[in-house]
PDB file of N, CA and C in Angstrom:
ATOM      1  N   MET A   1     -65.511   5.941 -12.072  1.00  0.00           N
ATOM      2  CA  MET A   1     -65.695   5.861 -13.509  1.00  0.00           C
ATOM      3  C   MET A   1     -67.194   5.748 -13.792  1.00  0.00           C
ATOM      4  N   THR A   2     -67.626   6.490 -14.770  1.00  0.00           N
ATOM      5  CA  THR A   2     -69.033   6.413 -15.162  1.00  0.00           C
ATOM      6  C   THR A   2     -69.252   5.201 -16.058  1.00  0.00           C
ATOM      7  N   PHE A   3     -70.505   4.824 -16.205  1.00  0.00           N
ATOM      8  CA  PHE A   3     -70.807   3.714 -17.103  1.00  0.00           C
ATOM      9  C   PHE A   3     -70.405   4.060 -18.534  1.00  0.00           C
ATOM     10  N   GLU A   4     -70.576   5.312 -18.936  1.00  0.00           N
ATOM     11  CA  GLU A   4     -70.184   5.717 -20.297  1.00  0.00           C
ATOM     12  C   GLU A   4     -68.701   5.484 -20.529  1.00  0.00           C
ATOM     13  N   ASP A   5     -67.864   5.890 -19.571  1.00  0.00           N
ATOM     14  CA  ASP A   5     -66.418   5.671 -19.689  1.00  0.00           C
ATOM     15  C   ASP A   5     -66.091   4.181 -19.706  1.00  0.00           C
ATOM     16  N   TRP A   6     -66.735   3.443 -18.826  1.00  0.00           N
ATOM     17  CA  TRP A   6     -66.527   1.996 -18.735  1.00  0.00           C
ATOM     18  C   TRP A   6     -66.881   1.336 -20.057  1.00  0.00           C
ATOM     19  N   PHE A   7     -68.027   1.734 -20.631  1.00  0.00           N
ATOM     20  CA  PHE A   7     -68.478   1.125 -21.878  1.00  0.00           C
ATOM     21  C   PHE A   7     -67.564   1.499 -23.044  1.00  0.00           C
ATOM     22  N   LYS A   8     -66.996   2.689 -23.033  1.00  0.00           N
ATOM     23  CA  LYS A   8     -66.019   3.074 -24.065  1.00  0.00           C
ATOM     24  C   LYS A   8     -64.806   2.149 -24.004  1.00  0.00           C
ATOM     25  N   GLN A   9     -64.345   1.848 -22.796  1.00  0.00           N
ATOM     26  CA  GLN A   9     -63.214   0.927 -22.649  1.00  0.00           C
ATOM     27  C   GLN A   9     -63.599  -0.472 -23.123  1.00  0.00           C
ATOM     28  N   LEU A  10     -64.786  -0.902 -22.782  1.00  0.00           N
ATOM     29  CA  LEU A  10     -65.265  -2.213 -23.223  1.00  0.00           C
ATOM     30  C   LEU A  10     -65.349  -2.268 -24.748  1.00  0.00           C
ATOM     31  N   THR A  11     -65.821  -1.202 -25.350  1.00  0.00           N
ATOM     32  CA  THR A  11     -65.918  -1.135 -26.809  1.00  0.00           C
ATOM     33  C   THR A  11     -64.535  -1.212 -27.447  1.00  0.00           C
ATOM     34  N   ALA A  12     -63.553  -0.555 -26.842  1.00  0.00           N
ATOM     35  CA  ALA A  12     -62.185  -0.621 -27.358  1.00  0.00           C
ATOM     36  C   ALA A  12     -61.660  -2.056 -27.312  1.00  0.00           C
ATOM     37  N   ILE A  13     -61.962  -2.774 -26.250  1.00  0.00           N
ATOM     38  CA  ILE A  13     -61.562  -4.181 -26.138  1.00  0.00           C
ATOM     39  C   ILE A  13     -62.245  -4.997 -27.233  1.00  0.00           C
ATOM     40  N   ALA A  14     -63.535  -4.774 -27.406  1.00  0.00           N
ATOM     41  CA  ALA A  14     -64.305  -5.527 -28.404  1.00  0.00           C
ATOM     42  C   ALA A  14     -63.781  -5.284 -29.814  1.00  0.00           C
ATOM     43  N   THR A  15     -63.531  -4.032 -30.155  1.00  0.00           N
ATOM     44  CA  THR A  15     -63.061  -3.737 -31.513  1.00  0.00           C
ATOM     45  C   THR A  15     -61.654  -4.278 -31.739  1.00  0.00           C
ATOM     46  N   ALA A  16     -60.834  -4.288 -30.701  1.00  0.00           N
ATOM     47  CA  ALA A  16     -59.491  -4.860 -30.827  1.00  0.00           C
ATOM     48  C   ALA A  16     -59.553  -6.364 -31.096  1.00  0.00           C
ATOM     49  N   LYS A  17     -60.641  -6.996 -30.680  1.00  0.00           N
ATOM     50  CA  LYS A  17     -60.813  -8.438 -30.899  1.00  0.00           C
ATOM     51  C   LYS A  17     -61.546  -8.741 -32.201  1.00  0.00           C
ATOM     52  N   GLY A  18     -61.864  -7.693 -32.973  1.00  0.00           N
ATOM     53  CA  GLY A  18     -62.475  -7.901 -34.277  1.00  0.00           C
ATOM     54  C   GLY A  18     -63.977  -7.701 -34.345  1.00  0.00           C
ATOM     55  N   PHE A  19     -64.595  -7.332 -33.234  1.00  0.00           N
ATOM     56  CA  PHE A  19     -66.030  -7.058 -33.242  1.00  0.00           C
ATOM     57  C   PHE A  19     -66.269  -5.629 -33.715  1.00  0.00           C
ATOM     58  N   LEU A  20     -67.447  -5.355 -34.246  1.00  0.00           N
ATOM     59  CA  LEU A  20     -67.780  -3.997 -34.677  1.00  0.00           C
ATOM     60  C   LEU A  20     -67.966  -3.067 -33.488  1.00  0.00           C
ATOM     61  N   ASN A  21     -68.497  -3.603 -32.394  1.00  0.00           N
ATOM     62  CA  ASN A  21     -68.699  -2.838 -31.166  1.00  0.00           C
ATOM     63  C   ASN A  21     -68.912  -3.833 -30.027  1.00  0.00           C
ATOM     64  N   ALA A  22     -69.292  -3.327 -28.872  1.00  0.00           N
ATOM     65  CA  ALA A  22     -69.473  -4.210 -27.716  1.00  0.00           C
ATOM     66  C   ALA A  22     -70.913  -4.676 -27.542  1.00  0.00           C
ATOM     67  N   GLY A  23     -71.765  -4.325 -28.475  1.00  0.00           N
ATOM     68  CA  GLY A  23     -73.155  -4.747 -28.370  1.00  0.00           C
ATOM     69  C   GLY A  23     -74.008  -3.749 -27.610  1.00  0.00           C
ATOM     70  N   ASP A  24     -75.103  -4.222 -27.093  1.00  0.00           N
ATOM     71  CA  ASP A  24     -76.089  -3.387 -26.417  1.00  0.00           C
ATOM     72  C   ASP A  24     -75.604  -2.992 -25.019  1.00  0.00           C
ATOM     73  N   PRO A  25     -75.445  -1.693 -24.755  1.00  0.00           N
ATOM     74  CA  PRO A  25     -74.975  -1.268 -23.430  1.00  0.00           C
ATOM     75  C   PRO A  25     -75.855  -1.762 -22.286  1.00  0.00           C
ATOM     76  N   VAL A  26     -77.146  -1.857 -22.505  1.00  0.00           N
ATOM     77  CA  VAL A  26     -78.062  -2.299 -21.447  1.00  0.00           C
ATOM     78  C   VAL A  26     -77.682  -3.690 -20.948  1.00  0.00           C
ATOM     79  N   ARG A  27     -77.217  -4.528 -21.844  1.00  0.00           N
ATOM     80  CA  ARG A  27     -76.859  -5.899 -21.461  1.00  0.00           C
ATOM     81  C   ARG A  27     -75.584  -5.945 -20.619  1.00  0.00           C
ATOM     82  N   TRP A  28     -74.789  -4.887 -20.650  1.00  0.00           N
ATOM     83  CA  TRP A  28     -73.540  -4.845 -19.893  1.00  0.00           C
ATOM     84  C   TRP A  28     -73.672  -4.111 -18.560  1.00  0.00           C
ATOM     85  N   GLN A  29     -74.784  -3.460 -18.338  1.00  0.00           N
ATOM     86  CA  GLN A  29     -74.962  -2.663 -17.116  1.00  0.00           C
ATOM     87  C   GLN A  29     -74.755  -3.496 -15.852  1.00  0.00           C
ATOM     88  N   GLU A  30     -75.233  -4.720 -15.843  1.00  0.00           N
ATOM     89  CA  GLU A  30     -75.094  -5.572 -14.656  1.00  0.00           C
ATOM     90  C   GLU A  30     -73.626  -5.839 -14.334  1.00  0.00           C
ATOM     91  N   GLU A  31     -72.815  -6.034 -15.359  1.00  0.00           N
ATOM     92  CA  GLU A  31     -71.384  -6.274 -15.130  1.00  0.00           C
ATOM     93  C   GLU A  31     -70.737  -5.038 -14.507  1.00  0.00           C
ATOM     94  N   PHE A  32     -71.122  -3.872 -15.004  1.00  0.00           N
ATOM     95  CA  PHE A  32     -70.623  -2.614 -14.445  1.00  0.00           C
ATOM     96  C   PHE A  32     -71.052  -2.485 -12.984  1.00  0.00           C
ATOM     97  N   ASP A  33     -72.324  -2.777 -12.717  1.00  0.00           N
ATOM     98  CA  ASP A  33     -72.861  -2.674 -11.361  1.00  0.00           C
ATOM     99  C   ASP A  33     -72.178  -3.632 -10.392  1.00  0.00           C
ATOM    100  N   LYS A  34     -71.689  -4.758 -10.885  1.00  0.00           N
ATOM    101  CA  LYS A  34     -70.970  -5.723 -10.044  1.00  0.00           C
ATOM    102  C   LYS A  34     -69.576  -5.227  -9.677  1.00  0.00           C
ATOM    103  N   GLY A  35     -69.112  -4.166 -10.351  1.00  0.00           N
ATOM    104  CA  GLY A  35     -67.789  -3.634 -10.064  1.00  0.00           C
ATOM    105  C   GLY A  35     -66.687  -4.262 -10.893  1.00  0.00           C
ATOM    106  N   LEU A  36     -67.059  -5.006 -11.920  1.00  0.00           N
ATOM    107  CA  LEU A  36     -66.050  -5.613 -12.779  1.00  0.00           C
ATOM    108  C   LEU A  36     -65.394  -4.555 -13.659  1.00  0.00           C
ATOM    109  N   THR A  37     -64.137  -4.767 -13.980  1.00  0.00           N
ATOM    110  CA  THR A  37     -63.487  -3.907 -14.960  1.00  0.00           C
ATOM    111  C   THR A  37     -64.011  -4.298 -16.339  1.00  0.00           C
ATOM    112  N   PRO A  38     -63.843  -3.426 -17.330  1.00  0.00           N
ATOM    113  CA  PRO A  38     -64.265  -3.810 -18.675  1.00  0.00           C
ATOM    114  C   PRO A  38     -63.598  -5.107 -19.144  1.00  0.00           C
ATOM    115  N   GLN A  39     -62.317  -5.282 -18.820  1.00  0.00           N
ATOM    116  CA  GLN A  39     -61.620  -6.500 -19.237  1.00  0.00           C
ATOM    117  C   GLN A  39     -62.203  -7.726 -18.549  1.00  0.00           C
ATOM    118  N   GLN A  40     -62.491  -7.625 -17.257  1.00  0.00           N
ATOM    119  CA  GLN A  40     -63.091  -8.751 -16.536  1.00  0.00           C
ATOM    120  C   GLN A  40     -64.458  -9.092 -17.110  1.00  0.00           C
ATOM    121  N   ALA A  41     -65.232  -8.073 -17.424  1.00  0.00           N
ATOM    122  CA  ALA A  41     -66.561  -8.304 -18.000  1.00  0.00           C
ATOM    123  C   ALA A  41     -66.439  -8.979 -19.358  1.00  0.00           C
ATOM    124  N   TRP A  42     -65.516  -8.514 -20.178  1.00  0.00           N
ATOM    125  CA  TRP A  42     -65.342  -9.093 -21.510  1.00  0.00           C
ATOM    126  C   TRP A  42     -64.871 -10.537 -21.403  1.00  0.00           C
ATOM    127  N   ASP A  43     -63.911 -10.788 -20.543  1.00  0.00           N
ATOM    128  CA  ASP A  43     -63.370 -12.143 -20.399  1.00  0.00           C
ATOM    129  C   ASP A  43     -64.424 -13.128 -19.903  1.00  0.00           C
ATOM    130  N   GLY A  44     -65.343 -12.661 -19.077  1.00  0.00           N
ATOM    131  CA  GLY A  44     -66.330 -13.558 -18.498  1.00  0.00           C
ATOM    132  C   GLY A  44     -67.617 -13.678 -19.283  1.00  0.00           C
ATOM    133  N   ASP A  45     -67.968 -12.632 -20.041  1.00  0.00           N
ATOM    134  CA  ASP A  45     -69.290 -12.608 -20.658  1.00  0.00           C
ATOM    135  C   ASP A  45     -69.274 -12.140 -22.109  1.00  0.00           C
ATOM    136  N   TRP A  46     -68.287 -12.523 -22.865  1.00  0.00           N
ATOM    137  CA  TRP A  46     -68.233 -12.059 -24.252  1.00  0.00           C
ATOM    138  C   TRP A  46     -69.428 -12.534 -25.057  1.00  0.00           C
ATOM    139  N   ASP A  47     -70.100 -13.567 -24.583  1.00  0.00           N
ATOM    140  CA  ASP A  47     -71.263 -14.080 -25.303  1.00  0.00           C
ATOM    141  C   ASP A  47     -72.481 -13.158 -25.193  1.00  0.00           C
ATOM    142  N   LEU A  48     -72.405 -12.111 -24.393  1.00  0.00           N
ATOM    143  CA  LEU A  48     -73.498 -11.143 -24.321  1.00  0.00           C
ATOM    144  C   LEU A  48     -73.621 -10.336 -25.604  1.00  0.00           C
ATOM    145  N   TYR A  49     -72.580 -10.359 -26.406  1.00  0.00           N
ATOM    146  CA  TYR A  49     -72.607  -9.620 -27.663  1.00  0.00           C
ATOM    147  C   TYR A  49     -73.715 -10.162 -28.509  1.00  0.00           C
TER     148      TYR A  49
END
């Protein structure tokens, strides 16, 4: 999965929770690089928004 695809999934999670989007993609790159799923990243680091 590319980072773009991963971030689209993360954005879908964020909008489902009432956020306008998932925030700055650069801030989420580290979570992607760690191999976390979008859901794992959101559950652990939602404060990155």
